[in-house]
Amino acid sequence: MKIGITCYPTYGGSGVVGTELGIELAAALHKLYPADFKIEKMQDLLLNQATYDALLAGLDPRRIAEEWEERLHVFMAMREKYLVYK
């Protein structure tokens, strides 16, 4: 099974909503189909070891996303001055 997520930056900004959805889907598939869902392939997609470890440990996906909040706000503030269209 292959699932693709398209996220437009007009809602949520920078693909954050799509990333959270991906984490939710990965957590649900890992929980429902532990033998079939190859969670180790998520490591290449995430590029963030802490997020992968939390997902592997079975942490609540909402809690995983909360860990990004502070860094996300810093990034969004820095990004703001470079946006051509607002």
Foldseek 3Di string as FASTA:
>chain_A
DDDDDDDDCVPPHPCLVVVLVVLQVLLVCCVVPVPPDPLVVVCVVPVDVVLSVCSVVSHDSVVSSVVCVVVVVVVVVVCVVVDPDD
